[in-house]
Amino acid sequence: MPEAEVPLDGLLERLQSGSKWLTTRSEQLYEADVTYDKEFDDLLHMWDELESALRVVHNYEHCVFGEDQHCPDDTVVSCAACIRA
């Protein structure tokens, strides 16, 4: 299904789970003293693209974790709404 057809809830769920995966993977890479991981880099780029689609296609202005929410403090990615806050 093209991104434009992905419902808002689906994009938010993907961004939330992606944030959790990226954070966990970052911790694993740090513990293993890995300086570069292509899978991590690719998924980080995809996360950024999905967030951009969320903002453009759905005109969404809140945190990806929900209205009146904030990205977790320990995450390796923060959404544009939290960065602006």
N, C-alpha and C. Protein backbone atom coordinates (compact mmCIF):
# COMPACT_ATOMS: atom_id res chain seq x y z
N MET A 1 0.85 -1.18 0.00
CA MET A 1 0.00 0.00 0.00
C MET A 1 0.89 1.24 0.00
N PRO A 2 0.67 2.19 -0.91
CA PRO A 2 1.47 3.42 -0.92
C PRO A 2 1.30 4.18 0.39
N GLU A 3 2.35 4.92 0.78
CA GLU A 3 2.31 5.66 2.04
C GLU A 3 1.10 6.56 2.15
N ALA A 4 0.69 7.19 1.04
CA ALA A 4 -0.44 8.11 1.08
C ALA A 4 -1.72 7.41 1.51
N GLU A 5 -1.77 6.08 1.33
CA GLU A 5 -2.96 5.32 1.68
C GLU A 5 -2.86 4.70 3.08
N VAL A 6 -1.72 4.81 3.73
CA VAL A 6 -1.56 4.25 5.06
C VAL A 6 -2.32 5.14 6.04
N PRO A 7 -3.23 4.55 6.82
CA PRO A 7 -3.99 5.36 7.77
C PRO A 7 -3.08 5.97 8.83
N LEU A 8 -3.55 7.06 9.39
CA LEU A 8 -2.79 7.78 10.41
C LEU A 8 -2.35 6.85 11.53
N ASP A 9 -3.26 6.04 12.06
CA ASP A 9 -2.91 5.13 13.15
C ASP A 9 -1.80 4.16 12.75
N GLY A 10 -1.81 3.71 11.50
CA GLY A 10 -0.78 2.80 11.03
C GLY A 10 0.59 3.46 10.99
N LEU A 11 0.65 4.71 10.54
CA LEU A 11 1.92 5.42 10.52
C LEU A 11 2.43 5.66 11.93
N LEU A 12 1.53 6.06 12.83
CA LEU A 12 1.95 6.31 14.22
C LEU A 12 2.48 5.04 14.86
N GLU A 13 1.81 3.91 14.64
CA GLU A 13 2.27 2.64 15.20
C GLU A 13 3.65 2.27 14.65
N ARG A 14 3.85 2.46 13.34
CA ARG A 14 5.14 2.14 12.74
C ARG A 14 6.25 3.03 13.29
N LEU A 15 5.95 4.31 13.47
CA LEU A 15 6.95 5.23 14.02
C LEU A 15 7.26 4.91 15.47
N GLN A 16 6.25 4.58 16.25
CA GLN A 16 6.48 4.23 17.66
C GLN A 16 7.32 2.96 17.78
N SER A 17 6.95 1.94 17.02
CA SER A 17 7.73 0.69 17.11
C SER A 17 9.12 0.88 16.52
N GLY A 18 9.24 1.71 15.48
CA GLY A 18 10.54 2.00 14.91
C GLY A 18 11.44 2.73 15.90
N SER A 19 10.87 3.66 16.64
CA SER A 19 11.63 4.38 17.66
C SER A 19 12.18 3.41 18.70
N LYS A 20 11.35 2.49 19.12
CA LYS A 20 11.77 1.51 20.13
C LYS A 20 12.86 0.59 19.56
N TRP A 21 12.68 0.14 18.32
CA TRP A 21 13.67 -0.74 17.70
C TRP A 21 15.00 -0.02 17.55
N LEU A 22 14.96 1.21 17.04
CA LEU A 22 16.20 1.98 16.84
C LEU A 22 16.94 2.20 18.16
N THR A 23 16.21 2.47 19.21
CA THR A 23 16.83 2.69 20.51
C THR A 23 17.48 1.40 21.02
N THR A 24 16.76 0.30 20.94
CA THR A 24 17.30 -0.98 21.37
C THR A 24 18.53 -1.36 20.55
N ARG A 25 18.43 -1.20 19.23
CA ARG A 25 19.55 -1.55 18.35
C ARG A 25 20.76 -0.65 18.62
N SER A 26 20.52 0.61 18.86
CA SER A 26 21.61 1.53 19.17
C SER A 26 22.36 1.10 20.43
N GLU A 27 21.61 0.68 21.44
CA GLU A 27 22.23 0.20 22.68
C GLU A 27 23.06 -1.05 22.43
N GLN A 28 22.53 -1.97 21.59
CA GLN A 28 23.26 -3.19 21.26
C GLN A 28 24.56 -2.86 20.52
N LEU A 29 24.48 -1.94 19.57
CA LEU A 29 25.66 -1.56 18.80
C LEU A 29 26.70 -0.89 19.69
N TYR A 30 26.24 -0.06 20.61
CA TYR A 30 27.15 0.61 21.53
C TYR A 30 27.88 -0.41 22.41
N GLU A 31 27.12 -1.36 22.94
CA GLU A 31 27.71 -2.40 23.80
C GLU A 31 28.71 -3.25 23.04
N ALA A 32 28.45 -3.46 21.74
CA ALA A 32 29.35 -4.27 20.92
C ALA A 32 30.47 -3.44 20.30
N ASP A 33 30.48 -2.14 20.61
CA ASP A 33 31.48 -1.21 20.10
C ASP A 33 31.50 -1.18 18.57
N VAL A 34 30.31 -1.22 17.97
CA VAL A 34 30.16 -1.15 16.51
C VAL A 34 29.96 0.32 16.14
N THR A 35 30.77 0.81 15.21
CA THR A 35 30.68 2.22 14.85
C THR A 35 29.72 2.48 13.69
N TYR A 36 29.43 1.48 12.87
CA TYR A 36 28.50 1.66 11.75
C TYR A 36 27.75 0.36 11.51
N ASP A 37 26.43 0.50 11.31
CA ASP A 37 25.58 -0.64 11.00
C ASP A 37 24.63 -0.22 9.89
N LYS A 38 24.75 -0.81 8.71
CA LYS A 38 23.94 -0.42 7.56
C LYS A 38 22.46 -0.58 7.84
N GLU A 39 22.06 -1.67 8.48
CA GLU A 39 20.64 -1.89 8.77
C GLU A 39 20.10 -0.76 9.65
N PHE A 40 20.84 -0.40 10.68
CA PHE A 40 20.43 0.70 11.54
C PHE A 40 20.32 1.99 10.75
N ASP A 41 21.31 2.29 9.94
CA ASP A 41 21.32 3.51 9.14
C ASP A 41 20.14 3.54 8.17
N ASP A 42 19.87 2.43 7.51
CA ASP A 42 18.75 2.36 6.57
C ASP A 42 17.42 2.56 7.29
N LEU A 43 17.25 1.92 8.43
CA LEU A 43 15.99 2.05 9.15
C LEU A 43 15.82 3.42 9.79
N LEU A 44 16.90 4.04 10.18
CA LEU A 44 16.84 5.41 10.68
C LEU A 44 16.35 6.35 9.56
N HIS A 45 16.89 6.15 8.38
CA HIS A 45 16.47 6.96 7.22
C HIS A 45 14.99 6.71 6.91
N MET A 46 14.56 5.45 6.96
CA MET A 46 13.17 5.12 6.71
C MET A 46 12.26 5.76 7.76
N TRP A 47 12.69 5.74 9.03
CA TRP A 47 11.91 6.36 10.10
C TRP A 47 11.70 7.84 9.81
N ASP A 48 12.77 8.50 9.40
CA ASP A 48 12.69 9.93 9.07
C ASP A 48 11.73 10.17 7.91
N GLU A 49 11.80 9.33 6.88
CA GLU A 49 10.90 9.46 5.73
C GLU A 49 9.44 9.24 6.14
N LEU A 50 9.19 8.25 6.99
CA LEU A 50 7.82 8.00 7.46
C LEU A 50 7.29 9.18 8.28
N GLU A 51 8.15 9.75 9.10
CA GLU A 51 7.69 10.90 9.88
C GLU A 51 7.37 12.06 8.96
N SER A 52 8.18 12.29 7.95
CA SER A 52 7.91 13.36 6.99
C SER A 52 6.58 13.11 6.27
N ALA A 53 6.34 11.86 5.89
CA ALA A 53 5.07 11.52 5.24
C ALA A 53 3.89 11.78 6.18
N LEU A 54 4.05 11.43 7.44
CA LEU A 54 3.01 11.66 8.43
C LEU A 54 2.66 13.15 8.48
N ARG A 55 3.65 13.99 8.50
CA ARG A 55 3.44 15.43 8.61
C ARG A 55 2.85 16.02 7.32
N VAL A 56 3.31 15.56 6.16
CA VAL A 56 2.85 16.10 4.89
C VAL A 56 1.48 15.54 4.50
N VAL A 57 1.35 14.23 4.50
CA VAL A 57 0.13 13.59 4.01
C VAL A 57 -1.04 13.81 4.96
N HIS A 58 -0.78 13.69 6.25
CA HIS A 58 -1.87 13.79 7.24
C HIS A 58 -1.90 15.14 7.96
N ASN A 59 -0.96 16.03 7.62
CA ASN A 59 -0.88 17.34 8.27
C ASN A 59 -0.87 17.20 9.79
N TYR A 60 -0.14 16.21 10.27
CA TYR A 60 -0.07 15.87 11.69
C TYR A 60 0.95 16.77 12.38
N GLU A 61 0.58 17.38 13.50
CA GLU A 61 1.45 18.34 14.17
C GLU A 61 1.91 17.89 15.56
N HIS A 62 1.44 16.75 16.04
CA HIS A 62 1.74 16.32 17.41
C HIS A 62 2.90 15.33 17.44
N CYS A 63 3.26 14.91 18.64
CA CYS A 63 4.27 13.88 18.82
C CYS A 63 3.79 12.57 18.19
N VAL A 64 4.72 11.78 17.69
CA VAL A 64 4.35 10.49 17.09
C VAL A 64 3.80 9.52 18.14
N PHE A 65 4.02 9.81 19.41
CA PHE A 65 3.46 8.97 20.47
C PHE A 65 2.07 9.43 20.90
N GLY A 66 1.57 10.50 20.28
CA GLY A 66 0.21 10.94 20.51
C GLY A 66 0.13 12.39 20.96
N GLU A 67 -1.06 12.94 20.82
CA GLU A 67 -1.30 14.31 21.24
C GLU A 67 -1.03 14.43 22.73
N ASP A 68 -0.40 15.51 23.12
CA ASP A 68 -0.03 15.76 24.52
C ASP A 68 0.97 14.75 25.06
N GLN A 69 1.70 14.07 24.17
CA GLN A 69 2.75 13.13 24.56
C GLN A 69 4.10 13.71 24.14
N HIS A 70 5.15 13.01 24.52
CA HIS A 70 6.51 13.42 24.16
C HIS A 70 7.33 12.16 23.89
N CYS A 71 8.24 12.23 22.94
CA CYS A 71 9.12 11.09 22.68
C CYS A 71 9.87 10.75 23.97
N PRO A 72 10.10 9.46 24.23
CA PRO A 72 10.83 9.07 25.44
C PRO A 72 12.18 9.76 25.53
N ASP A 73 12.58 10.08 26.75
CA ASP A 73 13.86 10.75 26.97
C ASP A 73 15.06 9.91 26.53
N ASP A 74 14.93 8.59 26.60
CA ASP A 74 16.06 7.72 26.29
C ASP A 74 16.08 7.24 24.84
N THR A 75 15.25 7.81 23.98
CA THR A 75 15.20 7.38 22.60
C THR A 75 16.36 7.97 21.78
N VAL A 76 16.73 7.29 20.72
CA VAL A 76 17.79 7.81 19.85
C VAL A 76 17.21 8.68 18.74
N VAL A 77 15.89 8.68 18.59
CA VAL A 77 15.21 9.54 17.61
C VAL A 77 14.13 10.33 18.32
N SER A 78 13.96 11.54 17.92
CA SER A 78 12.87 12.38 18.42
C SER A 78 12.15 12.94 17.22
N CYS A 79 10.84 13.01 17.32
CA CYS A 79 10.06 13.51 16.20
C CYS A 79 10.18 15.03 16.12
N ALA A 80 9.76 15.57 14.99
CA ALA A 80 9.87 17.01 14.75
C ALA A 80 9.09 17.82 15.77
N ALA A 81 7.93 17.32 16.20
CA ALA A 81 7.13 18.05 17.19
C ALA A 81 7.89 18.17 18.52
N CYS A 82 8.56 17.13 18.92
CA CYS A 82 9.31 17.15 20.18
C CYS A 82 10.58 17.99 20.05
N ILE A 83 11.18 17.98 18.91
CA ILE A 83 12.38 18.80 18.70
C ILE A 83 12.01 20.28 18.77
N ARG A 84 10.84 20.63 18.22
CA ARG A 84 10.39 22.03 18.24
C ARG A 84 9.97 22.47 19.64
N ALA A 85 9.55 21.52 20.49
CA ALA A 85 9.02 21.88 21.81
C ALA A 85 10.11 22.36 22.74
